[in-house]
Amino acid sequence: MTRDGEPGAEFARRADNKRVAYEVTGAPDGFPVFLLHGTPGSRCGPKPRGIVLYRLGVRLIAHDRPGYGDSDRREGRDVADAARDVEAIADQLGLERFAVAGRSGGGPHALACAADGALRGRVTRVAVLVSFAPSDAAQLDWFAGMNGDNVRGFGGDGNRDTASMIEQIRRRAARAIEDPRFLLEELMVEMSAADRRAVNDAALRRLITDTYEEALRAGPYGWIDDVLALRRSWKFDLGAIDTAVTPVRLWHGAEDTFAPASHARWLAGQIPGAEVEVQPGAAHFDAVEELPRMLRWLTDVDAPVGRDVLIGSRPAQ
């Protein structure tokens, strides 16, 4: 994974005239895939090296959600609104069809693209890695198995006061702006052994630190708006996703304590025809290494699809 050789940001404008910053890497004539970053995150987040994208035949498009990096803030945005960001970029690039992948906090936003009526027929496949479920998910203990840092960050410590939550994010963002290593070092204290193993890689640690630095360069607003959007209604119906038109595949590490694997299982139960794989021994940051395999599936548009619950196994590539 590297940022070496990446171009600077380009900009698309939404219908509301807000700018969305994005970067395109990989094969210029490859199949277009949008990669939606985590929370907090930016378009500079970990992604496969250019040579890997060329081999996969992928033209990878990564953008800053509103309030992050160089994208204009859209205060009060909801998860469903992510489809408008993707639509604006796709229209500017002249893309008729494309796939979408979302990692961590980007997972719900990727599912919003699968559910969006205006994008129906344009989104070919959606891959979701280590995603959260909705915070009001019925019959799901949302915080069960989640580490203390994320429990506190999403108000699971008994304090769901929005003003207090925003102030906590502001304090953490200020520390991270002073020292970009702060957030990762703070997270490592509560990581599972599987995640510590993943981030033992110095290059990955640098990439994670870089994406946090870029995400917060203009302040904490993208992070604040992400958390608020994930806490309230996502404003779309998971059951309305038509996997006959837009196949959906979910991947999760069984040892994930940032977004527990129960979230992926719950999501799979709400999306008729979705595939889910829960990988033993893997955790949250293993999604970075899993991404190339997901990209291969996203671009293999002629492969057969169908409901398949894969617990502890890897499907044929």
C-alpha atoms as a PDB file:
ATOM      1  CA  MET A   1       0.000   0.000   0.000  1.00  0.00           C
ATOM      2  CA  THR A   2       1.318   3.426  -0.863  1.00  0.00           C
ATOM      3  CA  ARG A   3       0.479   7.008  -1.661  1.00  0.00           C
ATOM      4  CA  ASP A   4       3.574   7.400  -3.814  1.00  0.00           C
ATOM      5  CA  GLY A   5       2.816   8.844  -7.209  1.00  0.00           C
ATOM      6  CA  GLU A   6      -0.739   9.893  -6.396  1.00  0.00           C
ATOM      7  CA  PRO A   7      -1.934  13.059  -8.126  1.00  0.00           C
ATOM      8  CA  GLY A   8      -3.333  16.047  -6.305  1.00  0.00           C
ATOM      9  CA  ALA A   9      -7.013  16.478  -5.626  1.00  0.00           C
ATOM     10  CA  GLU A  10      -9.548  17.180  -8.345  1.00  0.00           C
ATOM     11  CA  PHE A  11     -12.981  18.613  -7.613  1.00  0.00           C
ATOM     12  CA  ALA A  12     -16.540  17.817  -8.591  1.00  0.00           C
ATOM     13  CA  ARG A  13     -19.540  19.982  -7.704  1.00  0.00           C
ATOM     14  CA  ARG A  14     -22.765  18.587  -6.351  1.00  0.00           C
ATOM     15  CA  ALA A  15     -26.169  19.944  -7.292  1.00  0.00           C
ATOM     16  CA  ASP A  16     -26.035  22.082  -4.115  1.00  0.00           C
ATOM     17  CA  ASN A  17     -22.751  23.596  -5.412  1.00  0.00           C
ATOM     18  CA  LYS A  18     -20.646  21.962  -2.667  1.00  0.00           C
ATOM     19  CA  ARG A  19     -17.212  20.813  -3.794  1.00  0.00           C
ATOM     20  CA  VAL A  20     -16.117  17.190  -3.404  1.00  0.00           C
ATOM     21  CA  ALA A  21     -12.362  16.494  -3.568  1.00  0.00           C
ATOM     22  CA  TYR A  22     -11.264  13.233  -5.178  1.00  0.00           C
ATOM     23  CA  GLU A  23      -8.225  11.452  -6.602  1.00  0.00           C
ATOM     24  CA  VAL A  24      -7.984   8.794  -9.300  1.00  0.00           C
ATOM     25  CA  THR A  25      -5.258   6.131  -9.266  1.00  0.00           C
ATOM     26  CA  GLY A  26      -4.567   2.867 -11.027  1.00  0.00           C
ATOM     27  CA  ALA A  27      -5.264   1.884 -14.632  1.00  0.00           C
ATOM     28  CA  PRO A  28      -6.655   4.838 -16.651  1.00  0.00           C
ATOM     29  CA  ASP A  29      -8.694   2.430 -18.805  1.00  0.00           C
ATOM     30  CA  GLY A  30      -9.557   0.110 -15.913  1.00  0.00           C
ATOM     31  CA  PHE A  31     -12.999  -0.566 -14.480  1.00  0.00           C
ATOM     32  CA  PRO A  32     -13.959   2.339 -12.187  1.00  0.00           C
ATOM     33  CA  VAL A  33     -14.329   1.577  -8.472  1.00  0.00           C
ATOM     34  CA  PHE A  34     -15.127   4.138  -5.778  1.00  0.00           C
ATOM     35  CA  LEU A  35     -13.376   3.551  -2.442  1.00  0.00           C
ATOM     36  CA  LEU A  36     -15.161   5.142   0.533  1.00  0.00           C
ATOM     37  CA  HIS A  37     -12.872   5.798   3.502  1.00  0.00           C
ATOM     38  CA  GLY A  38     -13.328   5.147   7.217  1.00  0.00           C
ATOM     39  CA  THR A  39     -14.124   7.411  10.169  1.00  0.00           C
ATOM     40  CA  PRO A  40     -12.128   9.591  10.483  1.00  0.00           C
ATOM     41  CA  GLY A  41     -10.504   9.318   7.071  1.00  0.00           C
ATOM     42  CA  SER A  42      -9.725  10.893   3.733  1.00  0.00           C
ATOM     43  CA  ARG A  43      -9.101  10.144   0.086  1.00  0.00           C
ATOM     44  CA  CYS A  44      -5.453   9.521   1.037  1.00  0.00           C
ATOM     45  CA  GLY A  45      -6.300   6.422   3.057  1.00  0.00           C
ATOM     46  CA  PRO A  46      -4.604   3.038   2.531  1.00  0.00           C
ATOM     47  CA  LYS A  47      -5.154   1.591  -0.903  1.00  0.00           C
ATOM     48  CA  PRO A  48      -3.344  -0.901  -3.160  1.00  0.00           C
ATOM     49  CA  ARG A  49      -0.201   0.248  -4.929  1.00  0.00           C
ATOM     50  CA  GLY A  50      -0.605   1.515  -8.454  1.00  0.00           C
ATOM     51  CA  ILE A  51       1.007  -1.610  -9.918  1.00  0.00           C
ATOM     52  CA  VAL A  52      -1.540  -3.793  -8.108  1.00  0.00           C
ATOM     53  CA  LEU A  53      -4.412  -1.695  -9.433  1.00  0.00           C
ATOM     54  CA  TYR A  54      -2.987  -1.980 -12.965  1.00  0.00           C
ATOM     55  CA  ARG A  55      -2.815  -5.768 -12.644  1.00  0.00           C
ATOM     56  CA  LEU A  56      -6.378  -5.878 -11.358  1.00  0.00           C
ATOM     57  CA  GLY A  57      -7.569  -3.550 -14.122  1.00  0.00           C
ATOM     58  CA  VAL A  58      -8.967  -1.075 -11.602  1.00  0.00           C
ATOM     59  CA  ARG A  59      -9.389   2.659 -11.934  1.00  0.00           C
ATOM     60  CA  LEU A  60      -9.718   3.593  -8.268  1.00  0.00           C
ATOM     61  CA  ILE A  61     -11.555   6.754  -7.234  1.00  0.00           C
ATOM     62  CA  ALA A  62     -11.224   7.938  -3.636  1.00  0.00           C
ATOM     63  CA  HIS A  63     -12.842  11.095  -2.304  1.00  0.00           C
ATOM     64  CA  ASP A  64     -13.104  13.090   0.919  1.00  0.00           C
ATOM     65  CA  ARG A  65     -16.562  12.985   2.449  1.00  0.00           C
ATOM     66  CA  PRO A  66     -17.906  16.471   3.218  1.00  0.00           C
ATOM     67  CA  GLY A  67     -15.925  18.211   5.947  1.00  0.00           C
ATOM     68  CA  TYR A  68     -12.838  16.043   5.503  1.00  0.00           C
ATOM     69  CA  GLY A  69      -9.690  17.078   3.654  1.00  0.00           C
ATOM     70  CA  ASP A  70     -10.519  19.380   0.759  1.00  0.00           C
ATOM     71  CA  SER A  71     -14.253  18.658   0.497  1.00  0.00           C
ATOM     72  CA  ASP A  72     -16.699  21.361   1.539  1.00  0.00           C
ATOM     73  CA  ARG A  73     -18.584  20.634   4.738  1.00  0.00           C
ATOM     74  CA  ARG A  74     -22.280  19.781   4.533  1.00  0.00           C
ATOM     75  CA  GLU A  75     -23.484  20.162   8.099  1.00  0.00           C
ATOM     76  CA  GLY A  76     -26.399  17.900   9.004  1.00  0.00           C
ATOM     77  CA  ARG A  77     -25.689  15.393   6.234  1.00  0.00           C
ATOM     78  CA  ASP A  78     -27.020  11.869   6.597  1.00  0.00           C
ATOM     79  CA  VAL A  79     -25.563   8.571   5.386  1.00  0.00           C
ATOM     80  CA  ALA A  80     -27.872   8.429   2.357  1.00  0.00           C
ATOM     81  CA  ASP A  81     -26.395  11.724   1.135  1.00  0.00           C
ATOM     82  CA  ALA A  82     -23.154   9.915   0.219  1.00  0.00           C
ATOM     83  CA  ALA A  83     -24.792   8.807  -3.019  1.00  0.00           C
ATOM     84  CA  ARG A  84     -24.871  12.434  -4.195  1.00  0.00           C
ATOM     85  CA  ASP A  85     -21.091  12.764  -3.722  1.00  0.00           C
ATOM     86  CA  VAL A  86     -20.472   9.627  -5.772  1.00  0.00           C
ATOM     87  CA  GLU A  87     -22.983  10.719  -8.403  1.00  0.00           C
ATOM     88  CA  ALA A  88     -21.320  14.135  -8.811  1.00  0.00           C
ATOM     89  CA  ILE A  89     -17.877  12.605  -9.334  1.00  0.00           C
ATOM     90  CA  ALA A  90     -19.167   9.881 -11.665  1.00  0.00           C
ATOM     91  CA  ASP A  91     -20.970  12.470 -13.779  1.00  0.00           C
ATOM     92  CA  GLN A  92     -17.873  14.652 -14.007  1.00  0.00           C
ATOM     93  CA  LEU A  93     -15.756  11.667 -15.068  1.00  0.00           C
ATOM     94  CA  GLY A  94     -18.400  10.513 -17.545  1.00  0.00           C
ATOM     95  CA  LEU A  95     -18.847   7.128 -15.871  1.00  0.00           C
ATOM     96  CA  GLU A  96     -21.964   5.239 -16.868  1.00  0.00           C
ATOM     97  CA  ARG A  97     -21.254   2.205 -14.656  1.00  0.00           C
ATOM     98  CA  PHE A  98     -18.982   1.710 -11.657  1.00  0.00           C
ATOM     99  CA  ALA A  99     -18.565  -0.339  -8.496  1.00  0.00           C
ATOM    100  CA  VAL A 100     -18.348   0.913  -4.909  1.00  0.00           C
ATOM    101  CA  ALA A 101     -16.334  -0.319  -1.924  1.00  0.00           C
ATOM    102  CA  GLY A 102     -16.619   1.019   1.620  1.00  0.00           C
ATOM    103  CA  ARG A 103     -14.366   0.298   4.578  1.00  0.00           C
ATOM    104  CA  SER A 104     -15.350   0.778   8.242  1.00  0.00           C
ATOM    105  CA  GLY A 105     -17.307   4.069   8.504  1.00  0.00           C
ATOM    106  CA  GLY A 106     -17.385   4.092   4.695  1.00  0.00           C
ATOM    107  CA  GLY A 107     -19.369   0.837   4.664  1.00  0.00           C
ATOM    108  CA  PRO A 108     -22.778   2.363   5.443  1.00  0.00           C
ATOM    109  CA  HIS A 109     -22.113   5.067   2.850  1.00  0.00           C
ATOM    110  CA  ALA A 110     -21.332   2.403   0.234  1.00  0.00           C
ATOM    111  CA  LEU A 111     -24.611   0.662   1.041  1.00  0.00           C
ATOM    112  CA  ALA A 112     -26.372   4.004   0.536  1.00  0.00           C
ATOM    113  CA  CYS A 113     -25.135   3.945  -3.061  1.00  0.00           C
ATOM    114  CA  ALA A 114     -26.541   0.430  -3.533  1.00  0.00           C
ATOM    115  CA  ALA A 115     -29.938   1.582  -2.239  1.00  0.00           C
ATOM    116  CA  ASP A 116     -30.095   4.880  -4.129  1.00  0.00           C
ATOM    117  CA  GLY A 117     -32.750   5.007  -6.820  1.00  0.00           C
ATOM    118  CA  ALA A 118     -30.925   7.568  -8.949  1.00  0.00           C
ATOM    119  CA  LEU A 119     -27.874   5.283  -9.130  1.00  0.00           C
ATOM    120  CA  ARG A 120     -29.846   2.121  -9.914  1.00  0.00           C
ATOM    121  CA  GLY A 121     -28.293   0.438 -12.931  1.00  0.00           C
ATOM    122  CA  ARG A 122     -25.071   2.471 -12.618  1.00  0.00           C
ATOM    123  CA  VAL A 123     -23.675   0.781  -9.485  1.00  0.00           C
ATOM    124  CA  THR A 124     -22.644  -2.696 -10.645  1.00  0.00           C
ATOM    125  CA  ARG A 125     -21.513  -4.202  -7.312  1.00  0.00           C
ATOM    126  CA  VAL A 126     -20.896  -3.066  -3.749  1.00  0.00           C
ATOM    127  CA  ALA A 127     -18.274  -4.445  -1.347  1.00  0.00           C
ATOM    128  CA  VAL A 128     -18.469  -3.568   2.332  1.00  0.00           C
ATOM    129  CA  LEU A 129     -15.594  -4.271   4.699  1.00  0.00           C
ATOM    130  CA  VAL A 130     -15.758  -4.103   8.535  1.00  0.00           C
ATOM    131  CA  SER A 131     -18.859  -1.913   8.464  1.00  0.00           C
ATOM    132  CA  PHE A 132     -21.086  -0.675  11.237  1.00  0.00           C
ATOM    133  CA  ALA A 133     -24.780  -1.539  11.349  1.00  0.00           C
ATOM    134  CA  PRO A 134     -27.336   1.206  12.081  1.00  0.00           C
ATOM    135  CA  SER A 135     -27.201   2.334  15.711  1.00  0.00           C
ATOM    136  CA  ASP A 136     -30.929   1.618  16.102  1.00  0.00           C
ATOM    137  CA  ALA A 137     -30.693  -1.883  14.595  1.00  0.00           C
ATOM    138  CA  ALA A 138     -33.430  -4.088  16.003  1.00  0.00           C
ATOM    139  CA  GLN A 139     -32.297  -7.185  17.937  1.00  0.00           C
ATOM    140  CA  LEU A 140     -28.632  -6.154  17.787  1.00  0.00           C
ATOM    141  CA  ASP A 141     -26.650  -5.161  20.863  1.00  0.00           C
ATOM    142  CA  TRP A 142     -24.753  -2.448  18.980  1.00  0.00           C
ATOM    143  CA  PHE A 143     -21.951  -2.018  21.534  1.00  0.00           C
ATOM    144  CA  ALA A 144     -21.436  -5.692  22.405  1.00  0.00           C
ATOM    145  CA  GLY A 145     -17.834  -6.691  21.650  1.00  0.00           C
ATOM    146  CA  MET A 146     -16.800  -3.103  20.847  1.00  0.00           C
ATOM    147  CA  ASN A 147     -13.647  -1.689  22.424  1.00  0.00           C
ATOM    148  CA  GLY A 148     -13.865   1.105  24.982  1.00  0.00           C
ATOM    149  CA  ASP A 149     -12.584   3.789  22.653  1.00  0.00           C
ATOM    150  CA  ASN A 150     -15.380   3.289  20.121  1.00  0.00           C
ATOM    151  CA  VAL A 151     -17.977   2.787  22.850  1.00  0.00           C
ATOM    152  CA  ARG A 152     -17.085   6.204  24.254  1.00  0.00           C
ATOM    153  CA  GLY A 153     -16.784   7.731  20.775  1.00  0.00           C
ATOM    154  CA  PHE A 154     -20.342   6.715  19.877  1.00  0.00           C
ATOM    155  CA  GLY A 155     -21.910   7.543  23.224  1.00  0.00           C
ATOM    156  CA  GLY A 156     -22.214   3.995  24.529  1.00  0.00           C
ATOM    157  CA  ASP A 157     -20.813   4.944  27.929  1.00  0.00           C
ATOM    158  CA  GLY A 158     -24.208   6.262  28.992  1.00  0.00           C
ATOM    159  CA  ASN A 159     -23.525   9.762  27.685  1.00  0.00           C
ATOM    160  CA  ARG A 160     -25.429  10.263  24.439  1.00  0.00           C
ATOM    161  CA  ASP A 161     -25.487  14.024  24.834  1.00  0.00           C
ATOM    162  CA  THR A 162     -24.610  15.372  21.397  1.00  0.00           C
ATOM    163  CA  ALA A 163     -22.795  18.477  22.672  1.00  0.00           C
ATOM    164  CA  SER A 164     -20.540  16.373  24.910  1.00  0.00           C
ATOM    165  CA  MET A 165     -19.787  13.964  22.080  1.00  0.00           C
ATOM    166  CA  ILE A 166     -18.875  16.809  19.724  1.00  0.00           C
ATOM    167  CA  GLU A 167     -16.607  18.350  22.351  1.00  0.00           C
ATOM    168  CA  GLN A 168     -14.834  15.028  22.849  1.00  0.00           C
ATOM    169  CA  ILE A 169     -14.189  14.753  19.100  1.00  0.00           C
ATOM    170  CA  ARG A 170     -12.911  18.345  19.020  1.00  0.00           C
ATOM    171  CA  ARG A 171     -10.417  17.595  21.808  1.00  0.00           C
ATOM    172  CA  ARG A 172      -9.156  14.419  20.152  1.00  0.00           C
ATOM    173  CA  ALA A 173      -8.908  16.104  16.754  1.00  0.00           C
ATOM    174  CA  ALA A 174      -6.930  19.004  18.240  1.00  0.00           C
ATOM    175  CA  ARG A 175      -4.448  16.536  19.739  1.00  0.00           C
ATOM    176  CA  ALA A 176      -4.189  14.703  16.419  1.00  0.00           C
ATOM    177  CA  ILE A 177      -3.587  17.926  14.500  1.00  0.00           C
ATOM    178  CA  GLU A 178      -0.681  18.701  16.839  1.00  0.00           C
ATOM    179  CA  ASP A 179       0.684  15.160  16.555  1.00  0.00           C
ATOM    180  CA  PRO A 180      -0.741  13.000  13.720  1.00  0.00           C
ATOM    181  CA  ARG A 181       0.523   9.860  15.489  1.00  0.00           C
ATOM    182  CA  PHE A 182      -1.716  10.520  18.497  1.00  0.00           C
ATOM    183  CA  LEU A 183      -4.894   8.836  17.232  1.00  0.00           C
ATOM    184  CA  LEU A 184      -3.208   5.613  16.148  1.00  0.00           C
ATOM    185  CA  GLU A 185      -1.197   5.393  19.369  1.00  0.00           C
ATOM    186  CA  GLU A 186      -4.410   5.923  21.350  1.00  0.00           C
ATOM    187  CA  LEU A 187      -6.220   3.231  19.370  1.00  0.00           C
ATOM    188  CA  MET A 188      -3.387   0.721  19.748  1.00  0.00           C
ATOM    189  CA  VAL A 189      -3.899   0.648  23.523  1.00  0.00           C
ATOM    190  CA  GLU A 190      -7.280  -1.055  23.057  1.00  0.00           C
ATOM    191  CA  MET A 191      -6.618  -3.025  19.870  1.00  0.00           C
ATOM    192  CA  SER A 192      -7.092  -6.767  19.732  1.00  0.00           C
ATOM    193  CA  ALA A 193      -3.969  -8.889  19.211  1.00  0.00           C
ATOM    194  CA  ALA A 194      -5.056  -9.439  15.595  1.00  0.00           C
ATOM    195  CA  ASP A 195      -5.213  -5.701  14.924  1.00  0.00           C
ATOM    196  CA  ARG A 196      -1.890  -5.030  16.630  1.00  0.00           C
ATOM    197  CA  ARG A 197      -0.382  -7.650  14.370  1.00  0.00           C
ATOM    198  CA  ALA A 198      -1.813  -5.902  11.307  1.00  0.00           C
ATOM    199  CA  VAL A 199      -0.555  -2.438  12.265  1.00  0.00           C
ATOM    200  CA  ASN A 200       2.881  -3.766  13.191  1.00  0.00           C
ATOM    201  CA  ASP A 201       3.686  -2.972   9.573  1.00  0.00           C
ATOM    202  CA  ALA A 202       5.498   0.383   9.578  1.00  0.00           C
ATOM    203  CA  ALA A 203       4.233   1.328   6.107  1.00  0.00           C
ATOM    204  CA  LEU A 204       0.621   0.745   7.128  1.00  0.00           C
ATOM    205  CA  ARG A 205       1.079   2.802  10.300  1.00  0.00           C
ATOM    206  CA  ARG A 206       2.441   5.669   8.199  1.00  0.00           C
ATOM    207  CA  LEU A 207      -0.500   5.468   5.801  1.00  0.00           C
ATOM    208  CA  ILE A 208      -3.021   5.467   8.637  1.00  0.00           C
ATOM    209  CA  THR A 209      -1.302   8.455  10.219  1.00  0.00           C
ATOM    210  CA  ASP A 210      -1.243  10.257   6.863  1.00  0.00           C
ATOM    211  CA  THR A 211      -4.954   9.757   6.285  1.00  0.00           C
ATOM    212  CA  TYR A 212      -5.795  11.054   9.778  1.00  0.00           C
ATOM    213  CA  GLU A 213      -3.606  14.102   9.179  1.00  0.00           C
ATOM    214  CA  GLU A 214      -5.287  14.865   5.858  1.00  0.00           C
ATOM    215  CA  ALA A 215      -8.761  14.162   7.233  1.00  0.00           C
ATOM    216  CA  LEU A 216      -8.396  16.713  10.033  1.00  0.00           C
ATOM    217  CA  ARG A 217      -6.398  19.335   8.170  1.00  0.00           C
ATOM    218  CA  ALA A 218      -9.438  21.633   7.938  1.00  0.00           C
ATOM    219  CA  GLY A 219     -10.671  20.791  11.434  1.00  0.00           C
ATOM    220  CA  PRO A 220     -12.822  18.115  13.112  1.00  0.00           C
ATOM    221  CA  TYR A 221     -15.970  18.722  11.075  1.00  0.00           C
ATOM    222  CA  GLY A 222     -15.955  15.658   8.836  1.00  0.00           C
ATOM    223  CA  TRP A 223     -15.417  13.422  11.851  1.00  0.00           C
ATOM    224  CA  ILE A 224     -18.189  15.126  13.818  1.00  0.00           C
ATOM    225  CA  ASP A 225     -20.638  14.909  10.923  1.00  0.00           C
ATOM    226  CA  ASP A 226     -19.762  11.241  10.279  1.00  0.00           C
ATOM    227  CA  VAL A 227     -20.429  10.227  13.877  1.00  0.00           C
ATOM    228  CA  LEU A 228     -23.719  12.134  14.015  1.00  0.00           C
ATOM    229  CA  ALA A 229     -24.830  10.619  10.684  1.00  0.00           C
ATOM    230  CA  LEU A 230     -23.954   7.085  11.807  1.00  0.00           C
ATOM    231  CA  ARG A 231     -25.802   7.565  15.132  1.00  0.00           C
ATOM    232  CA  ARG A 232     -29.106   8.667  13.623  1.00  0.00           C
ATOM    233  CA  SER A 233     -31.290   7.185  10.883  1.00  0.00           C
ATOM    234  CA  TRP A 234     -29.319   6.436   7.731  1.00  0.00           C
ATOM    235  CA  LYS A 235     -32.326   7.639   5.667  1.00  0.00           C
ATOM    236  CA  PHE A 236     -32.481   4.633   3.355  1.00  0.00           C
ATOM    237  CA  ASP A 237     -33.931   1.121   3.538  1.00  0.00           C
ATOM    238  CA  LEU A 238     -31.430  -1.746   3.512  1.00  0.00           C
ATOM    239  CA  GLY A 239     -34.227  -4.099   2.481  1.00  0.00           C
ATOM    240  CA  ALA A 240     -34.761  -2.063  -0.681  1.00  0.00           C
ATOM    241  CA  ILE A 241     -31.317  -2.989  -2.026  1.00  0.00           C
ATOM    242  CA  ASP A 242     -31.909  -5.197  -5.059  1.00  0.00           C
ATOM    243  CA  THR A 243     -28.953  -7.581  -5.150  1.00  0.00           C
ATOM    244  CA  ALA A 244     -30.166  -8.962  -8.471  1.00  0.00           C
ATOM    245  CA  VAL A 245     -29.236  -5.564  -9.909  1.00  0.00           C
ATOM    246  CA  THR A 246     -26.451  -4.582  -7.491  1.00  0.00           C
ATOM    247  CA  PRO A 247     -24.841  -7.590  -5.779  1.00  0.00           C
ATOM    248  CA  VAL A 248     -23.518  -6.883  -2.286  1.00  0.00           C
ATOM    249  CA  ARG A 249     -20.672  -8.684  -0.528  1.00  0.00           C
ATOM    250  CA  LEU A 250     -19.811  -8.098   3.143  1.00  0.00           C
ATOM    251  CA  TRP A 251     -16.451  -8.983   4.703  1.00  0.00           C
ATOM    252  CA  HIS A 252     -15.559  -8.829   8.377  1.00  0.00           C
ATOM    253  CA  GLY A 253     -12.784  -9.993  10.680  1.00  0.00           C
ATOM    254  CA  ALA A 254     -14.080 -12.181  13.491  1.00  0.00           C
ATOM    255  CA  GLU A 255     -11.719 -10.499  15.988  1.00  0.00           C
ATOM    256  CA  ASP A 256     -12.805  -6.944  15.137  1.00  0.00           C
ATOM    257  CA  THR A 257     -13.426  -4.835  18.250  1.00  0.00           C
ATOM    258  CA  PHE A 258     -13.926  -1.514  16.441  1.00  0.00           C
ATOM    259  CA  ALA A 259     -17.023  -2.678  14.539  1.00  0.00           C
ATOM    260  CA  PRO A 260     -17.856  -6.174  15.846  1.00  0.00           C
ATOM    261  CA  ALA A 261     -18.611  -8.951  13.355  1.00  0.00           C
ATOM    262  CA  SER A 262     -22.182  -9.114  14.666  1.00  0.00           C
ATOM    263  CA  HIS A 263     -22.768  -5.910  12.688  1.00  0.00           C
ATOM    264  CA  ALA A 264     -21.924  -7.631   9.395  1.00  0.00           C
ATOM    265  CA  ARG A 265     -24.135 -10.595  10.202  1.00  0.00           C
ATOM    266  CA  TRP A 266     -26.998  -8.242  11.041  1.00  0.00           C
ATOM    267  CA  LEU A 267     -26.535  -6.297   7.800  1.00  0.00           C
ATOM    268  CA  ALA A 268     -26.520  -9.530   5.787  1.00  0.00           C
ATOM    269  CA  GLY A 269     -29.828 -10.472   7.379  1.00  0.00           C
ATOM    270  CA  GLN A 270     -31.402  -7.200   6.236  1.00  0.00           C
ATOM    271  CA  ILE A 271     -30.196  -7.234   2.623  1.00  0.00           C
ATOM    272  CA  PRO A 272     -31.897 -10.032   0.650  1.00  0.00           C
ATOM    273  CA  GLY A 273     -29.322 -11.935  -1.379  1.00  0.00           C
ATOM    274  CA  ALA A 274     -26.244 -10.350   0.208  1.00  0.00           C
ATOM    275  CA  GLU A 275     -23.141 -12.498   0.698  1.00  0.00           C
ATOM    276  CA  VAL A 276     -21.190 -12.340   3.950  1.00  0.00           C
ATOM    277  CA  GLU A 277     -17.811 -13.683   4.990  1.00  0.00           C
ATOM    278  CA  VAL A 278     -16.549 -13.556   8.576  1.00  0.00           C
ATOM    279  CA  GLN A 279     -12.877 -14.474   8.643  1.00  0.00           C
ATOM    280  CA  PRO A 280     -11.481 -16.151  11.785  1.00  0.00           C
ATOM    281  CA  GLY A 281      -8.295 -14.628  13.187  1.00  0.00           C
ATOM    282  CA  ALA A 282      -8.771 -11.376  11.257  1.00  0.00           C
ATOM    283  CA  ALA A 283      -9.716  -7.986  12.702  1.00  0.00           C
ATOM    284  CA  HIS A 284     -10.509  -4.419  11.659  1.00  0.00           C
ATOM    285  CA  PHE A 285      -7.278  -3.361   9.980  1.00  0.00           C
ATOM    286  CA  ASP A 286      -7.004  -6.656   8.081  1.00  0.00           C
ATOM    287  CA  ALA A 287      -9.560  -5.084   5.738  1.00  0.00           C
ATOM    288  CA  VAL A 288      -6.642  -3.197   4.163  1.00  0.00           C
ATOM    289  CA  GLU A 289      -5.056  -6.458   3.018  1.00  0.00           C
ATOM    290  CA  GLU A 290      -8.435  -7.887   2.032  1.00  0.00           C
ATOM    291  CA  LEU A 291      -9.209  -5.004  -0.321  1.00  0.00           C
ATOM    292  CA  PRO A 292      -7.385  -6.331  -3.444  1.00  0.00           C
ATOM    293  CA  ARG A 293      -9.463  -9.539  -3.352  1.00  0.00           C
ATOM    294  CA  MET A 294     -12.623  -7.483  -3.005  1.00  0.00           C
ATOM    295  CA  LEU A 295     -11.552  -5.311  -5.929  1.00  0.00           C
ATOM    296  CA  ARG A 296     -11.137  -8.453  -8.029  1.00  0.00           C
ATOM    297  CA  TRP A 297     -14.709  -9.450  -7.219  1.00  0.00           C
ATOM    298  CA  LEU A 298     -16.031  -5.943  -7.869  1.00  0.00           C
ATOM    299  CA  THR A 299     -14.566  -5.865 -11.367  1.00  0.00           C
ATOM    300  CA  ASP A 300     -15.528  -9.445 -12.302  1.00  0.00           C
ATOM    301  CA  VAL A 301     -18.969  -8.355 -13.433  1.00  0.00           C
ATOM    302  CA  ASP A 302     -19.625 -11.581 -15.368  1.00  0.00           C
ATOM    303  CA  ALA A 303     -19.144 -13.877 -12.350  1.00  0.00           C
ATOM    304  CA  PRO A 304     -22.286 -15.553 -10.974  1.00  0.00           C
ATOM    305  CA  VAL A 305     -23.707 -14.168  -7.746  1.00  0.00           C
ATOM    306  CA  GLY A 306     -26.140 -15.424  -5.155  1.00  0.00           C
ATOM    307  CA  ARG A 307     -26.710 -15.624  -1.440  1.00  0.00           C
ATOM    308  CA  ASP A 308     -23.842 -17.379   0.296  1.00  0.00           C
ATOM    309  CA  VAL A 309     -23.081 -17.121   3.995  1.00  0.00           C
ATOM    310  CA  LEU A 310     -19.370 -17.776   4.344  1.00  0.00           C
ATOM    311  CA  ILE A 311     -18.233 -18.170   7.933  1.00  0.00           C
ATOM    312  CA  GLY A 312     -14.544 -18.923   8.182  1.00  0.00           C
ATOM    313  CA  SER A 313     -14.024 -19.711   4.517  1.00  0.00           C
ATOM    314  CA  ARG A 314     -12.812 -17.900   1.461  1.00  0.00           C
ATOM    315  CA  PRO A 315     -14.940 -18.003  -1.687  1.00  0.00           C
ATOM    316  CA  ALA A 316     -13.432 -18.810  -5.039  1.00  0.00           C
ATOM    317  CA  GLN A 317     -11.741 -15.784  -6.591  1.00  0.00           C
END
